[in-house]
C-alpha atoms as a PDB file:
ATOM      1  CA  MET A   1     -55.693 -38.025 -66.196  1.00  0.00           C
ATOM      2  CA  SER A   2     -56.160 -37.416 -62.504  1.00  0.00           C
ATOM      3  CA  PHE A   3     -54.171 -35.090 -60.316  1.00  0.00           C
ATOM      4  CA  THR A   4     -52.855 -36.226 -56.950  1.00  0.00           C
ATOM      5  CA  PRO A   5     -51.068 -33.648 -54.774  1.00  0.00           C
ATOM      6  CA  ALA A   6     -47.527 -34.543 -53.832  1.00  0.00           C
ATOM      7  CA  GLU A   7     -46.763 -35.278 -50.227  1.00  0.00           C
ATOM      8  CA  GLN A   8     -43.679 -34.421 -48.227  1.00  0.00           C
ATOM      9  CA  ALA A   9     -41.524 -37.462 -47.598  1.00  0.00           C
ATOM     10  CA  PRO A  10     -41.084 -38.171 -43.908  1.00  0.00           C
ATOM     11  CA  THR A  11     -37.818 -37.016 -42.427  1.00  0.00           C
ATOM     12  CA  LEU A  12     -35.415 -39.499 -40.934  1.00  0.00           C
ATOM     13  CA  PRO A  13     -35.114 -39.565 -37.153  1.00  0.00           C
ATOM     14  CA  GLY A  14     -32.337 -37.256 -35.969  1.00  0.00           C
ATOM     15  CA  VAL A  15     -32.147 -35.524 -39.347  1.00  0.00           C
ATOM     16  CA  GLY A  16     -33.792 -32.169 -39.712  1.00  0.00           C
ATOM     17  CA  ALA A  17     -32.958 -28.628 -40.623  1.00  0.00           C
ATOM     18  CA  LEU A  18     -29.302 -27.759 -40.481  1.00  0.00           C
ATOM     19  CA  PRO A  19     -28.330 -25.690 -37.453  1.00  0.00           C
ATOM     20  CA  GLU A  20     -27.732 -22.006 -38.019  1.00  0.00           C
ATOM     21  CA  PRO A  21     -24.032 -21.214 -38.415  1.00  0.00           C
ATOM     22  CA  SER A  22     -22.427 -19.216 -35.626  1.00  0.00           C
ATOM     23  CA  ASN A  23     -21.524 -15.566 -36.080  1.00  0.00           C
ATOM     24  CA  LEU A  24     -17.868 -16.554 -36.078  1.00  0.00           C
ATOM     25  CA  ALA A  25     -18.409 -19.117 -38.850  1.00  0.00           C
ATOM     26  CA  VAL A  26     -20.240 -16.530 -40.968  1.00  0.00           C
ATOM     27  CA  ALA A  27     -17.544 -13.921 -40.303  1.00  0.00           C
ATOM     28  CA  ALA A  28     -14.812 -16.407 -41.220  1.00  0.00           C
ATOM     29  CA  ARG A  29     -16.589 -17.269 -44.487  1.00  0.00           C
ATOM     30  CA  ILE A  30     -16.968 -13.585 -45.383  1.00  0.00           C
ATOM     31  CA  ALA A  31     -13.287 -13.041 -44.586  1.00  0.00           C
ATOM     32  CA  GLN A  32     -12.320 -15.953 -46.841  1.00  0.00           C
ATOM     33  CA  LEU A  33     -14.407 -14.599 -49.717  1.00  0.00           C
ATOM     34  CA  LEU A  34     -13.128 -11.026 -49.424  1.00  0.00           C
ATOM     35  CA  LEU A  35      -9.506 -12.095 -49.063  1.00  0.00           C
ATOM     36  CA  ALA A  36      -9.790 -14.371 -52.101  1.00  0.00           C
ATOM     37  CA  GLU A  37     -11.375 -11.567 -54.130  1.00  0.00           C
ATOM     38  CA  HIS A  38      -8.731  -8.981 -53.200  1.00  0.00           C
ATOM     39  CA  GLU A  39      -5.644 -11.172 -52.833  1.00  0.00           C
ATOM     40  CA  HIS A  40      -3.949  -9.883 -55.971  1.00  0.00           C
ATOM     41  CA  VAL A  41      -4.366  -6.147 -56.527  1.00  0.00           C
ATOM     42  CA  ASP A  42      -2.782  -4.016 -59.226  1.00  0.00           C
ATOM     43  CA  HIS A  43      -0.868  -1.457 -57.162  1.00  0.00           C
ATOM     44  CA  GLN A  44      -1.018   1.033 -60.039  1.00  0.00           C
ATOM     45  CA  ASP A  45      -4.840   1.061 -59.855  1.00  0.00           C
ATOM     46  CA  VAL A  46      -5.844   3.496 -57.098  1.00  0.00           C
ATOM     47  CA  PHE A  47      -9.478   2.400 -57.200  1.00  0.00           C
ATOM     48  CA  ALA A  48      -8.531  -1.289 -56.853  1.00  0.00           C
ATOM     49  CA  LEU A  49      -6.317  -0.433 -53.886  1.00  0.00           C
ATOM     50  CA  ASN A  50      -9.130   1.545 -52.245  1.00  0.00           C
ATOM     51  CA  ARG A  51     -11.614  -1.304 -52.817  1.00  0.00           C
ATOM     52  CA  ALA A  52      -9.172  -3.873 -51.416  1.00  0.00           C
ATOM     53  CA  HIS A  53      -8.384  -1.678 -48.412  1.00  0.00           C
ATOM     54  CA  GLY A  54     -12.070  -1.173 -47.674  1.00  0.00           C
ATOM     55  CA  ALA A  55     -12.794  -4.893 -48.033  1.00  0.00           C
ATOM     56  CA  LEU A  56      -9.977  -5.834 -45.683  1.00  0.00           C
ATOM     57  CA  VAL A  57     -11.022  -3.235 -43.099  1.00  0.00           C
ATOM     58  CA  GLU A  58     -14.586  -4.536 -43.254  1.00  0.00           C
ATOM     59  CA  THR A  59     -13.337  -8.125 -42.916  1.00  0.00           C
ATOM     60  CA  VAL A  60     -11.414  -7.290 -39.752  1.00  0.00           C
ATOM     61  CA  ARG A  61     -14.391  -5.358 -38.354  1.00  0.00           C
ATOM     62  CA  ILE A  62     -16.755  -8.306 -38.960  1.00  0.00           C
ATOM     63  CA  LEU A  63     -14.328 -10.742 -37.346  1.00  0.00           C
ATOM     64  CA  LEU A  64     -13.862  -8.456 -34.328  1.00  0.00           C
ATOM     65  CA  ARG A  65     -17.618  -8.183 -33.873  1.00  0.00           C
ATOM     66  CA  ALA A  66     -18.001 -11.965 -34.116  1.00  0.00           C
ATOM     67  CA  VAL A  67     -15.576 -12.518 -31.233  1.00  0.00           C
ATOM     68  CA  GLY A  68     -17.016  -9.636 -29.205  1.00  0.00           C
ATOM     69  CA  ALA A  69     -13.976  -7.390 -29.455  1.00  0.00           C
ATOM     70  CA  GLU A  70     -15.809  -4.428 -30.997  1.00  0.00           C
ATOM     71  CA  PRO A  71     -19.342  -3.263 -30.175  1.00  0.00           C
ATOM     72  CA  ALA A  72     -21.728  -3.668 -33.104  1.00  0.00           C
ATOM     73  CA  GLU A  73     -22.996  -0.092 -32.675  1.00  0.00           C
ATOM     74  CA  ALA A  74     -19.528   1.492 -33.013  1.00  0.00           C
ATOM     75  CA  LYS A  75     -19.476   4.195 -35.668  1.00  0.00           C
ATOM     76  CA  GLY A  76     -15.724   4.182 -36.159  1.00  0.00           C
ATOM     77  CA  SER A  77     -12.478   3.256 -34.558  1.00  0.00           C
ATOM     78  CA  ALA A  78      -9.582   5.306 -33.316  1.00  0.00           C
ATOM     79  CA  LEU A  79      -7.231   2.645 -34.665  1.00  0.00           C
ATOM     80  CA  VAL A  80      -8.694   1.966 -38.109  1.00  0.00           C
ATOM     81  CA  ARG A  81     -10.187   4.414 -40.591  1.00  0.00           C
ATOM     82  CA  THR A  82     -13.688   3.215 -41.276  1.00  0.00           C
ATOM     83  CA  PRO A  83     -16.171   4.358 -43.923  1.00  0.00           C
ATOM     84  CA  GLY A  84     -18.309   6.991 -42.235  1.00  0.00           C
ATOM     85  CA  GLY A  85     -16.182   6.852 -39.083  1.00  0.00           C
ATOM     86  CA  ASP A  86     -14.283   9.982 -40.000  1.00  0.00           C
ATOM     87  CA  LYS A  87     -16.874  11.377 -42.437  1.00  0.00           C
ATOM     88  CA  ARG A  88     -14.605  11.405 -45.484  1.00  0.00           C
ATOM     89  CA  CYS A  89     -15.822  10.945 -49.034  1.00  0.00           C
ATOM     90  CA  PRO A  90     -15.163   7.750 -51.034  1.00  0.00           C
ATOM     91  CA  ALA A  91     -12.630   9.579 -53.238  1.00  0.00           C
ATOM     92  CA  ALA A  92     -10.343  10.273 -50.262  1.00  0.00           C
ATOM     93  CA  HIS A  93      -7.243   8.090 -50.450  1.00  0.00           C
ATOM     94  CA  PRO A  94      -6.640   6.129 -47.214  1.00  0.00           C
ATOM     95  CA  ASP A  95      -3.184   7.706 -46.834  1.00  0.00           C
ATOM     96  CA  ASP A  96      -4.370  11.262 -47.562  1.00  0.00           C
ATOM     97  CA  PRO A  97      -4.847  12.906 -44.140  1.00  0.00           C
ATOM     98  CA  THR A  98      -6.793  15.973 -45.296  1.00  0.00           C
ATOM     99  CA  PRO A  99     -10.466  16.417 -44.377  1.00  0.00           C
ATOM    100  CA  CYS A 100     -13.253  16.825 -46.908  1.00  0.00           C
ATOM    101  CA  THR A 101     -14.201  20.328 -47.988  1.00  0.00           C
ATOM    102  CA  GLY A 102     -17.882  19.485 -48.319  1.00  0.00           C
ATOM    103  CA  PRO A 103     -20.273  16.801 -49.487  1.00  0.00           C
ATOM    104  CA  PRO A 104     -19.532  14.685 -52.576  1.00  0.00           C
ATOM    105  CA  THR A 105     -20.242  16.791 -55.663  1.00  0.00           C
ATOM    106  CA  VAL A 106     -18.227  15.018 -58.388  1.00  0.00           C
ATOM    107  CA  THR A 107     -17.594  11.524 -59.705  1.00  0.00           C
ATOM    108  CA  VAL A 108     -14.024  10.737 -60.736  1.00  0.00           C
ATOM    109  CA  LEU A 109     -13.573   7.855 -63.189  1.00  0.00           C
ATOM    110  CA  ASP A 110     -10.352   6.102 -64.143  1.00  0.00           C
ATOM    111  CA  ALA A 111      -9.488   4.771 -67.616  1.00  0.00           C
ATOM    112  CA  HIS A 112     -11.472   1.581 -66.903  1.00  0.00           C
ATOM    113  CA  ASN A 113     -14.598   3.479 -65.745  1.00  0.00           C
ATOM    114  CA  ALA A 114     -14.112   2.549 -62.092  1.00  0.00           C
ATOM    115  CA  GLY A 115     -15.180   5.566 -60.113  1.00  0.00           C
ATOM    116  CA  ALA A 116     -15.737   7.214 -56.787  1.00  0.00           C
ATOM    117  CA  ASP A 117     -17.853  10.150 -55.697  1.00  0.00           C
ATOM    118  CA  GLY A 118     -15.992  12.810 -53.800  1.00  0.00           C
ATOM    119  CA  CYS A 119     -15.822  16.335 -52.508  1.00  0.00           C
ATOM    120  CA  GLN A 120     -14.077  18.877 -54.727  1.00  0.00           C
ATOM    121  CA  HIS A 121     -10.845  18.678 -52.714  1.00  0.00           C
ATOM    122  CA  HIS A 122     -10.449  14.879 -52.800  1.00  0.00           C
ATOM    123  CA  GLY A 123     -11.873  14.675 -56.307  1.00  0.00           C
ATOM    124  CA  ALA A 124      -9.074  16.945 -57.548  1.00  0.00           C
ATOM    125  CA  ARG A 125      -6.406  15.011 -55.623  1.00  0.00           C
ATOM    126  CA  LEU A 126      -7.693  11.703 -56.974  1.00  0.00           C
ATOM    127  CA  LEU A 127      -7.952  13.006 -60.540  1.00  0.00           C
ATOM    128  CA  ALA A 128      -4.371  14.316 -60.366  1.00  0.00           C
ATOM    129  CA  SER A 129      -3.203  10.830 -59.341  1.00  0.00           C
ATOM    130  CA  LEU A 130      -4.861   9.014 -62.262  1.00  0.00           C
ATOM    131  CA  ASP A 131      -3.762   8.433 -65.839  1.00  0.00           C
ATOM    132  CA  GLY A 132      -6.692   9.014 -68.176  1.00  0.00           C
ATOM    133  CA  GLY A 133      -9.079  10.027 -65.411  1.00  0.00           C
ATOM    134  CA  ARG A 134     -12.274  11.997 -65.997  1.00  0.00           C
ATOM    135  CA  VAL A 135     -14.487  14.034 -63.710  1.00  0.00           C
ATOM    136  CA  TYR A 136     -18.245  14.600 -63.857  1.00  0.00           C
ATOM    137  CA  GLY A 137     -20.423  16.778 -61.684  1.00  0.00           C
ATOM    138  CA  LEU A 138     -23.137  15.034 -59.693  1.00  0.00           C
ATOM    139  CA  PRO A 139     -26.728  16.090 -60.496  1.00  0.00           C
ATOM    140  CA  HIS A 140     -27.085  18.183 -57.320  1.00  0.00           C
ATOM    141  CA  ALA A 141     -23.741  19.990 -57.808  1.00  0.00           C
ATOM    142  CA  THR A 142     -23.586  23.611 -58.839  1.00  0.00           C
ATOM    143  CA  PRO A 143     -22.813  24.243 -62.512  1.00  0.00           C
ATOM    144  CA  GLY A 144     -19.089  24.297 -63.257  1.00  0.00           C
ATOM    145  CA  THR A 145     -18.093  22.028 -60.369  1.00  0.00           C
ATOM    146  CA  ALA A 146     -16.448  19.442 -62.628  1.00  0.00           C
ATOM    147  CA  ILE A 147     -14.486  22.151 -64.446  1.00  0.00           C
ATOM    148  CA  ARG A 148     -13.233  23.610 -61.147  1.00  0.00           C
ATOM    149  CA  VAL A 149     -12.099  20.156 -59.989  1.00  0.00           C
ATOM    150  CA  PHE A 150     -10.403  19.507 -63.343  1.00  0.00           C
ATOM    151  CA  GLN A 151      -8.547  22.831 -63.158  1.00  0.00           C
ATOM    152  CA  ALA A 152      -7.521  22.231 -59.543  1.00  0.00           C
ATOM    153  CA  ALA A 153      -6.213  18.766 -60.465  1.00  0.00           C
ATOM    154  CA  ALA A 154      -4.112  20.273 -63.252  1.00  0.00           C
ATOM    155  CA  GLY A 155      -2.115  22.182 -60.623  1.00  0.00           C
ATOM    156  CA  LEU A 156      -1.514  19.178 -58.342  1.00  0.00           C
ATOM    157  CA  ARG A 157       1.164  16.515 -58.456  1.00  0.00           C
ATOM    158  CA  PRO A 158       0.047  12.872 -58.235  1.00  0.00           C
ATOM    159  CA  PHE A 159      -0.190  11.660 -54.643  1.00  0.00           C
ATOM    160  CA  CYS A 160       0.772  15.152 -53.450  1.00  0.00           C
ATOM    161  CA  TRP A 161       0.305  14.256 -49.767  1.00  0.00           C
ATOM    162  CA  VAL A 162       3.283  11.865 -49.991  1.00  0.00           C
ATOM    163  CA  GLU A 163       5.701  14.493 -51.328  1.00  0.00           C
ATOM    164  CA  ARG A 164       4.594  17.108 -48.804  1.00  0.00           C
ATOM    165  CA  GLY A 165       5.079  14.710 -45.927  1.00  0.00           C
ATOM    166  CA  GLU A 166       1.466  14.989 -44.799  1.00  0.00           C
ATOM    167  CA  HIS A 167       0.644  12.384 -42.182  1.00  0.00           C
ATOM    168  CA  GLN A 168      -2.533  11.079 -40.621  1.00  0.00           C
END
């Protein structure tokens, strides 16, 4: 048996590589995917709401960049809370106006093991707002951090910033 290397078939005239999609086309496709993924959210699931909110914010940001309405190097917006734009931890609820008390030192998990790392302040507020939530200290946290967050959460009402009338 002899071996003959395969050859590339000639391309047809006028047919070649597909043109690169425009930034707007890519942004629109990302928006479609994220909207489809987060269209129906369980409003009792705080983590699902936070994920959906973050996805929608990112979708709008990508679309704005594609049409040149927001500079690509912007770190945050005065109109929209962006991850890293206001330096808050992932456990901070979008409607909770309070700042972080330090770097993320705990992971808070809900009953379905969805979780978020957070500072002690937002970790306690998030834990107080969950049914069946658990808290674990991150490896770099000081010993007893998870216990302090658990005890602080025991003294908080769920979504305490709503009852106190705290605003952004």
